[in-house]
Protein backbone atom coordinates (compact mmCIF):
# COMPACT_ATOMS: atom_id res chain seq x y z
CA MET A 1 0.00 0.00 0.00
CA THR A 2 2.85 2.41 0.82
CA LYS A 3 4.51 1.68 -2.51
CA GLN A 4 1.29 2.41 -4.39
CA LEU A 5 0.89 5.68 -2.52
CA GLU A 6 4.45 6.71 -3.44
CA GLU A 7 3.77 5.86 -7.10
CA VAL A 8 0.57 7.89 -7.11
CA ARG A 9 2.35 10.86 -5.51
CA ALA A 10 5.18 10.64 -8.04
CA GLU A 11 2.69 10.54 -10.90
CA ARG A 12 0.81 13.50 -9.41
CA ASP A 13 4.05 15.48 -9.21
CA GLU A 14 4.88 14.64 -12.83
CA LEU A 15 1.43 15.78 -13.91
CA ALA A 16 1.84 19.04 -11.99
CA VAL A 17 5.13 19.71 -13.81
CA ALA A 18 3.54 18.88 -17.17
CA GLU A 19 0.66 21.24 -16.40
CA ARG A 20 3.06 24.11 -15.60
CA VAL A 21 4.97 23.48 -18.83
CA PHE A 22 1.70 23.43 -20.77
CA HIS A 23 0.66 26.78 -19.29
CA ARG A 24 4.04 28.37 -20.06
CA ILE A 25 3.94 27.18 -23.65
CA SER A 26 0.35 28.39 -24.01
CA GLU A 27 1.36 31.84 -22.79
CA GLN A 28 4.30 31.95 -25.19
CA LEU A 29 2.08 30.93 -28.10
CA GLU A 30 -0.42 33.62 -27.19
CA LEU A 31 2.34 36.24 -27.15
CA ALA A 32 3.66 34.94 -30.48
CA ALA A 33 0.16 35.13 -31.99
CA ASP A 34 -0.18 38.73 -30.78
CA GLU A 35 3.15 39.60 -32.40
CA MET A 36 2.08 37.92 -35.66
CA VAL A 37 -1.08 40.03 -35.73
CA LYS A 38 1.02 43.18 -35.30
CA ILE A 39 3.40 42.11 -38.06
CA CYS A 40 0.53 41.35 -40.45
CA TRP A 41 -1.04 44.72 -39.72
CA LEU A 42 2.25 46.53 -40.32
CA LEU A 43 2.86 44.65 -43.56
CA SER A 44 -0.63 45.28 -44.89
CA HIS A 45 -0.28 48.97 -44.03
CA ARG A 46 3.04 49.16 -45.91
CA VAL A 47 1.54 47.39 -48.93
CA GLU A 48 -1.40 49.79 -48.96
CA THR A 49 0.98 52.77 -48.68
CA ALA A 50 3.22 51.47 -51.46
CA ALA A 51 0.20 50.77 -53.67
CA GLY A 52 -1.12 54.26 -53.07
CA LEU A 53 2.22 55.84 -53.91
CA SER A 54 2.54 53.68 -57.00
CA GLU A 55 -0.91 54.68 -58.25
CA SER A 56 -0.21 58.35 -57.66
CA GLY A 57 3.18 58.16 -59.37
CA ASN A 58 5.05 59.14 -56.20
CA LEU A 59 6.85 55.83 -55.79
CA ALA A 60 10.58 56.37 -56.10
CA THR A 61 12.25 54.15 -58.65
CA ARG A 62 15.83 52.95 -58.55
């Protein structure tokens, strides 16, 4: 009975560690997703600006 209790406690501790890792990774993914949204917004804004300059003839050529 004591051995079984030790095994259950060890498994519980392992699950607690796995849960903490899961939460950390989830937070990192959420931050990464937020950054991707910002990048996409910035890129779309630059494309719109470049397209507007191109249509108006103000786009500098090399």
